[in-house]
Amino acid sequence: MDELRKATGNFLALRRIAVAGVARDGRNPANLIYRRLREKGYQVFAVNPHAEQVEGDPSYASVTRIPGGVEGVVIATPPSATPGVVEDCVEAGVGDVWIHRSLGTGSMAPEAVDLCRQAGVRVIAGACPMMFIEPVDLGHRCMRWVLGKAGKLPKSSECSHNS
């Protein structure tokens, strides 16, 4: 858990973060993460190739189209879209990626994790940022505890971070 805490702490220390998978209807994990980051004062950018606006903000078709770029990206897309988002992150020079996962498979795609590692992109392969953005709500605190007890949180081999 120490490696995961260090990796999540480093990711959440970034200030310009994109969230890939934010939907127009607002009913998915990406939207929840997007809103929470925005509430906490991050410069946050929505990525959805099918929307010009989400959550009342501009939406970008790709990470590569965000003016001025971003430091990190939370990927909360279907797993089939995750490798393409990682490729965009690599092209855009993004240094940190968090691939969302909660109780199910989330956005996890092993090839996307491999792409991050091959490109030198720091990656958190699993968990939900909502489990670590303070103050953590009761639901996400319980989820973090349950996943931790079940051994379902990312292990040190599944996250990399700045030293």
C-alpha atoms as a PDB file:
ATOM      1  CA  MET A   1       0.000   0.000   0.000  1.00  0.00           C
ATOM      2  CA  ASP A   2       2.973   2.350   0.580  1.00  0.00           C
ATOM      3  CA  GLU A   3       3.964   2.224  -3.110  1.00  0.00           C
ATOM      4  CA  LEU A   4       0.365   2.872  -4.140  1.00  0.00           C
ATOM      5  CA  ARG A   5       0.042   5.794  -1.713  1.00  0.00           C
ATOM      6  CA  LYS A   6       3.278   7.307  -3.032  1.00  0.00           C
ATOM      7  CA  ALA A   7       2.168   6.891  -6.659  1.00  0.00           C
ATOM      8  CA  THR A   8      -1.316   8.325  -6.024  1.00  0.00           C
ATOM      9  CA  GLY A   9       0.155  11.195  -4.001  1.00  0.00           C
ATOM     10  CA  ASN A  10       2.523  12.081  -6.831  1.00  0.00           C
ATOM     11  CA  PHE A  11      -0.279  11.901  -9.394  1.00  0.00           C
ATOM     12  CA  LEU A  12      -2.590  14.069  -7.300  1.00  0.00           C
ATOM     13  CA  ALA A  13       0.205  16.630  -6.866  1.00  0.00           C
ATOM     14  CA  LEU A  14      -0.119  17.409 -10.586  1.00  0.00           C
ATOM     15  CA  ARG A  15      -2.205  20.473 -11.439  1.00  0.00           C
ATOM     16  CA  ARG A  16      -3.249  19.988 -15.111  1.00  0.00           C
ATOM     17  CA  ILE A  17      -5.139  16.722 -15.467  1.00  0.00           C
ATOM     18  CA  ALA A  18      -7.340  15.404 -18.260  1.00  0.00           C
ATOM     19  CA  VAL A  19     -10.080  12.855 -17.704  1.00  0.00           C
ATOM     20  CA  ALA A  20     -10.754  10.623 -20.701  1.00  0.00           C
ATOM     21  CA  GLY A  21     -14.232   9.157 -20.891  1.00  0.00           C
ATOM     22  CA  VAL A  22     -16.291  12.049 -19.524  1.00  0.00           C
ATOM     23  CA  ALA A  23     -19.806  11.615 -20.926  1.00  0.00           C
ATOM     24  CA  ARG A  24     -22.431  14.124 -21.989  1.00  0.00           C
ATOM     25  CA  ASP A  25     -25.069  12.575 -19.723  1.00  0.00           C
ATOM     26  CA  GLY A  26     -22.825  12.776 -16.660  1.00  0.00           C
ATOM     27  CA  ARG A  27     -23.554   9.258 -15.466  1.00  0.00           C
ATOM     28  CA  ASN A  28     -20.257   7.450 -15.338  1.00  0.00           C
ATOM     29  CA  PRO A  29     -17.156   7.272 -13.148  1.00  0.00           C
ATOM     30  CA  ALA A  30     -15.243   9.673 -15.406  1.00  0.00           C
ATOM     31  CA  ASN A  31     -17.752  12.446 -14.737  1.00  0.00           C
ATOM     32  CA  LEU A  32     -17.583  11.905 -10.987  1.00  0.00           C
ATOM     33  CA  ILE A  33     -13.774  12.057 -11.087  1.00  0.00           C
ATOM     34  CA  TYR A  34     -13.865  15.100 -13.388  1.00  0.00           C
ATOM     35  CA  ARG A  35     -16.221  17.015 -11.070  1.00  0.00           C
ATOM     36  CA  ARG A  36     -14.221  16.139  -7.954  1.00  0.00           C
ATOM     37  CA  LEU A  37     -10.926  17.260  -9.483  1.00  0.00           C
ATOM     38  CA  ARG A  38     -12.541  20.501 -10.645  1.00  0.00           C
ATOM     39  CA  GLU A  39     -14.006  21.094  -7.158  1.00  0.00           C
ATOM     40  CA  LYS A  40     -10.556  20.575  -5.631  1.00  0.00           C
ATOM     41  CA  GLY A  41      -9.062  23.330  -7.803  1.00  0.00           C
ATOM     42  CA  TYR A  42      -7.295  21.315 -10.482  1.00  0.00           C
ATOM     43  CA  GLN A  43      -7.115  22.567 -14.048  1.00  0.00           C
ATOM     44  CA  VAL A  44      -9.118  19.684 -15.454  1.00  0.00           C
ATOM     45  CA  PHE A  45      -9.927  18.892 -19.073  1.00  0.00           C
ATOM     46  CA  ALA A  46     -12.641  16.595 -20.419  1.00  0.00           C
ATOM     47  CA  VAL A  47     -11.754  14.201 -23.216  1.00  0.00           C
ATOM     48  CA  ASN A  48     -14.575  12.730 -25.298  1.00  0.00           C
ATOM     49  CA  PRO A  49     -14.243  12.355 -29.078  1.00  0.00           C
ATOM     50  CA  HIS A  50     -18.036  12.564 -29.475  1.00  0.00           C
ATOM     51  CA  ALA A  51     -18.772  15.759 -27.549  1.00  0.00           C
ATOM     52  CA  GLU A  52     -17.824  19.409 -27.875  1.00  0.00           C
ATOM     53  CA  GLN A  53     -18.942  20.171 -24.331  1.00  0.00           C
ATOM     54  CA  VAL A  54     -19.481  18.162 -21.127  1.00  0.00           C
ATOM     55  CA  GLU A  55     -20.163  19.252 -17.564  1.00  0.00           C
ATOM     56  CA  GLY A  56     -20.556  22.804 -18.929  1.00  0.00           C
ATOM     57  CA  ASP A  57     -16.923  22.849 -20.095  1.00  0.00           C
ATOM     58  CA  PRO A  58     -15.226  22.360 -23.453  1.00  0.00           C
ATOM     59  CA  SER A  59     -14.472  18.757 -24.333  1.00  0.00           C
ATOM     60  CA  TYR A  60     -11.527  17.681 -26.444  1.00  0.00           C
ATOM     61  CA  ALA A  61     -11.560  14.855 -28.978  1.00  0.00           C
ATOM     62  CA  SER A  62      -8.124  13.698 -27.860  1.00  0.00           C
ATOM     63  CA  VAL A  63      -5.493  14.395 -25.225  1.00  0.00           C
ATOM     64  CA  THR A  64      -3.334  15.664 -28.096  1.00  0.00           C
ATOM     65  CA  ARG A  65      -5.792  18.525 -28.735  1.00  0.00           C
ATOM     66  CA  ILE A  66      -5.729  20.083 -25.260  1.00  0.00           C
ATOM     67  CA  PRO A  67      -4.170  23.563 -25.543  1.00  0.00           C
ATOM     68  CA  GLY A  68      -0.966  23.722 -23.511  1.00  0.00           C
ATOM     69  CA  GLY A  69      -1.082  19.977 -22.816  1.00  0.00           C
ATOM     70  CA  VAL A  70      -1.558  18.257 -19.472  1.00  0.00           C
ATOM     71  CA  GLU A  71       0.675  16.620 -16.892  1.00  0.00           C
ATOM     72  CA  GLY A  72      -1.528  13.609 -16.218  1.00  0.00           C
ATOM     73  CA  VAL A  73      -4.525  11.739 -17.565  1.00  0.00           C
ATOM     74  CA  VAL A  74      -7.131   9.652 -15.768  1.00  0.00           C
ATOM     75  CA  ILE A  75      -8.476   7.059 -18.190  1.00  0.00           C
ATOM     76  CA  ALA A  76     -12.051   6.009 -17.450  1.00  0.00           C
ATOM     77  CA  THR A  77     -13.085   4.648 -20.833  1.00  0.00           C
ATOM     78  CA  PRO A  78     -14.173   1.192 -21.958  1.00  0.00           C
ATOM     79  CA  PRO A  79     -11.099  -1.097 -21.877  1.00  0.00           C
ATOM     80  CA  SER A  80     -11.130  -1.346 -25.679  1.00  0.00           C
ATOM     81  CA  ALA A  81     -10.484   2.422 -25.926  1.00  0.00           C
ATOM     82  CA  THR A  82      -7.744   2.548 -23.273  1.00  0.00           C
ATOM     83  CA  PRO A  83      -4.753   1.629 -25.509  1.00  0.00           C
ATOM     84  CA  GLY A  84      -5.697   4.383 -27.980  1.00  0.00           C
ATOM     85  CA  VAL A  85      -5.906   6.941 -25.187  1.00  0.00           C
ATOM     86  CA  VAL A  86      -2.474   5.826 -23.937  1.00  0.00           C
ATOM     87  CA  GLU A  87      -1.069   6.225 -27.470  1.00  0.00           C
ATOM     88  CA  ASP A  88      -2.451   9.789 -27.490  1.00  0.00           C
ATOM     89  CA  CYS A  89      -0.865  10.401 -24.081  1.00  0.00           C
ATOM     90  CA  VAL A  90       2.514   9.239 -25.381  1.00  0.00           C
ATOM     91  CA  GLU A  91       2.163  11.440 -28.476  1.00  0.00           C
ATOM     92  CA  ALA A  92       1.221  14.441 -26.306  1.00  0.00           C
ATOM     93  CA  GLY A  93       4.158  13.902 -23.944  1.00  0.00           C
ATOM     94  CA  VAL A  94       1.996  13.149 -20.904  1.00  0.00           C
ATOM     95  CA  GLY A  95       4.159  11.816 -18.083  1.00  0.00           C
ATOM     96  CA  ASP A  96       1.516  10.256 -15.800  1.00  0.00           C
ATOM     97  CA  VAL A  97      -1.490   8.031 -16.482  1.00  0.00           C
ATOM     98  CA  TRP A  98      -4.019   6.569 -14.050  1.00  0.00           C
ATOM     99  CA  ILE A  99      -6.107   3.749 -15.501  1.00  0.00           C
ATOM    100  CA  HIS A 100      -9.374   3.636 -13.556  1.00  0.00           C
ATOM    101  CA  ARG A 101     -10.586   0.433 -12.015  1.00  0.00           C
ATOM    102  CA  SER A 102     -13.108  -0.111  -9.285  1.00  0.00           C
ATOM    103  CA  LEU A 103     -14.928  -3.349  -8.524  1.00  0.00           C
ATOM    104  CA  GLY A 104     -14.971  -4.684 -12.080  1.00  0.00           C
ATOM    105  CA  THR A 105     -12.434  -4.433 -14.886  1.00  0.00           C
ATOM    106  CA  GLY A 106     -12.934  -0.698 -15.214  1.00  0.00           C
ATOM    107  CA  SER A 107     -10.715   0.646 -17.980  1.00  0.00           C
ATOM    108  CA  MET A 108      -7.949  -1.901 -17.509  1.00  0.00           C
ATOM    109  CA  ALA A 109      -6.254  -3.211 -20.630  1.00  0.00           C
ATOM    110  CA  PRO A 110      -2.919  -4.994 -20.111  1.00  0.00           C
ATOM    111  CA  GLU A 111      -1.603  -3.754 -23.461  1.00  0.00           C
ATOM    112  CA  ALA A 112      -2.215  -0.156 -22.339  1.00  0.00           C
ATOM    113  CA  VAL A 113      -0.149  -0.716 -19.193  1.00  0.00           C
ATOM    114  CA  ASP A 114       2.609  -2.216 -21.354  1.00  0.00           C
ATOM    115  CA  LEU A 115       2.461   0.798 -23.701  1.00  0.00           C
ATOM    116  CA  CYS A 116       2.902   3.149 -20.734  1.00  0.00           C
ATOM    117  CA  ARG A 117       5.911   1.245 -19.456  1.00  0.00           C
ATOM    118  CA  GLN A 118       7.543   0.989 -22.884  1.00  0.00           C
ATOM    119  CA  ALA A 119       7.148   4.747 -23.370  1.00  0.00           C
ATOM    120  CA  GLY A 120       8.405   5.640 -19.886  1.00  0.00           C
ATOM    121  CA  VAL A 121       5.016   6.951 -18.774  1.00  0.00           C
ATOM    122  CA  ARG A 122       4.378   6.570 -15.049  1.00  0.00           C
ATOM    123  CA  VAL A 123       1.219   4.490 -14.601  1.00  0.00           C
ATOM    124  CA  ILE A 124      -1.195   3.587 -11.848  1.00  0.00           C
ATOM    125  CA  ALA A 125      -2.843   0.441 -13.149  1.00  0.00           C
ATOM    126  CA  GLY A 126      -6.072   0.311 -11.218  1.00  0.00           C
ATOM    127  CA  ALA A 127      -8.008   1.831  -8.330  1.00  0.00           C
ATOM    128  CA  CYS A 128     -10.113   4.968  -8.524  1.00  0.00           C
ATOM    129  CA  PRO A 129      -8.799   8.476  -7.862  1.00  0.00           C
ATOM    130  CA  MET A 130     -11.907   9.058  -5.736  1.00  0.00           C
ATOM    131  CA  MET A 131     -10.425   6.605  -3.226  1.00  0.00           C
ATOM    132  CA  PHE A 132      -7.489   8.982  -2.669  1.00  0.00           C
ATOM    133  CA  ILE A 133      -8.681  12.577  -3.254  1.00  0.00           C
ATOM    134  CA  GLU A 134      -9.001  13.995   0.265  1.00  0.00           C
ATOM    135  CA  PRO A 135     -11.345  14.154   1.951  1.00  0.00           C
ATOM    136  CA  VAL A 136     -12.373  10.696   0.733  1.00  0.00           C
ATOM    137  CA  ASP A 137     -16.116  10.132   0.935  1.00  0.00           C
ATOM    138  CA  LEU A 138     -17.388   7.211   2.996  1.00  0.00           C
ATOM    139  CA  GLY A 139     -18.340   5.099  -0.027  1.00  0.00           C
ATOM    140  CA  HIS A 140     -14.902   5.337  -1.622  1.00  0.00           C
ATOM    141  CA  ARG A 141     -13.148   4.867   1.725  1.00  0.00           C
ATOM    142  CA  CYS A 142     -15.097   1.631   2.220  1.00  0.00           C
ATOM    143  CA  MET A 143     -14.380   0.563  -1.350  1.00  0.00           C
ATOM    144  CA  ARG A 144     -10.651   1.185  -0.839  1.00  0.00           C
ATOM    145  CA  TRP A 145     -10.733  -0.888   2.350  1.00  0.00           C
ATOM    146  CA  VAL A 146     -12.662  -3.778   0.737  1.00  0.00           C
ATOM    147  CA  LEU A 147     -10.419  -3.819  -2.342  1.00  0.00           C
ATOM    148  CA  GLY A 148      -7.346  -3.656  -0.125  1.00  0.00           C
ATOM    149  CA  LYS A 149      -8.512  -6.588   1.989  1.00  0.00           C
ATOM    150  CA  ALA A 150      -9.354  -8.553  -1.170  1.00  0.00           C
ATOM    151  CA  GLY A 151      -5.918  -7.825  -2.679  1.00  0.00           C
ATOM    152  CA  LYS A 152      -7.513  -5.936  -5.577  1.00  0.00           C
ATOM    153  CA  LEU A 153      -5.643  -2.621  -5.236  1.00  0.00           C
ATOM    154  CA  PRO A 154      -2.622  -2.141  -7.516  1.00  0.00           C
ATOM    155  CA  LYS A 155       0.570  -3.712  -6.225  1.00  0.00           C
ATOM    156  CA  SER A 156       3.954  -1.986  -6.470  1.00  0.00           C
ATOM    157  CA  SER A 157       4.512  -3.772  -9.793  1.00  0.00           C
ATOM    158  CA  GLU A 158       1.316  -2.181 -11.110  1.00  0.00           C
ATOM    159  CA  CYS A 159       2.236   1.414 -10.369  1.00  0.00           C
ATOM    160  CA  SER A 160       5.268   3.512 -11.001  1.00  0.00           C
ATOM    161  CA  HIS A 161       6.000   6.932  -9.584  1.00  0.00           C
ATOM    162  CA  ASN A 162       8.511   9.722  -9.249  1.00  0.00           C
ATOM    163  CA  SER A 163      11.138   9.110  -6.617  1.00  0.00           C
END
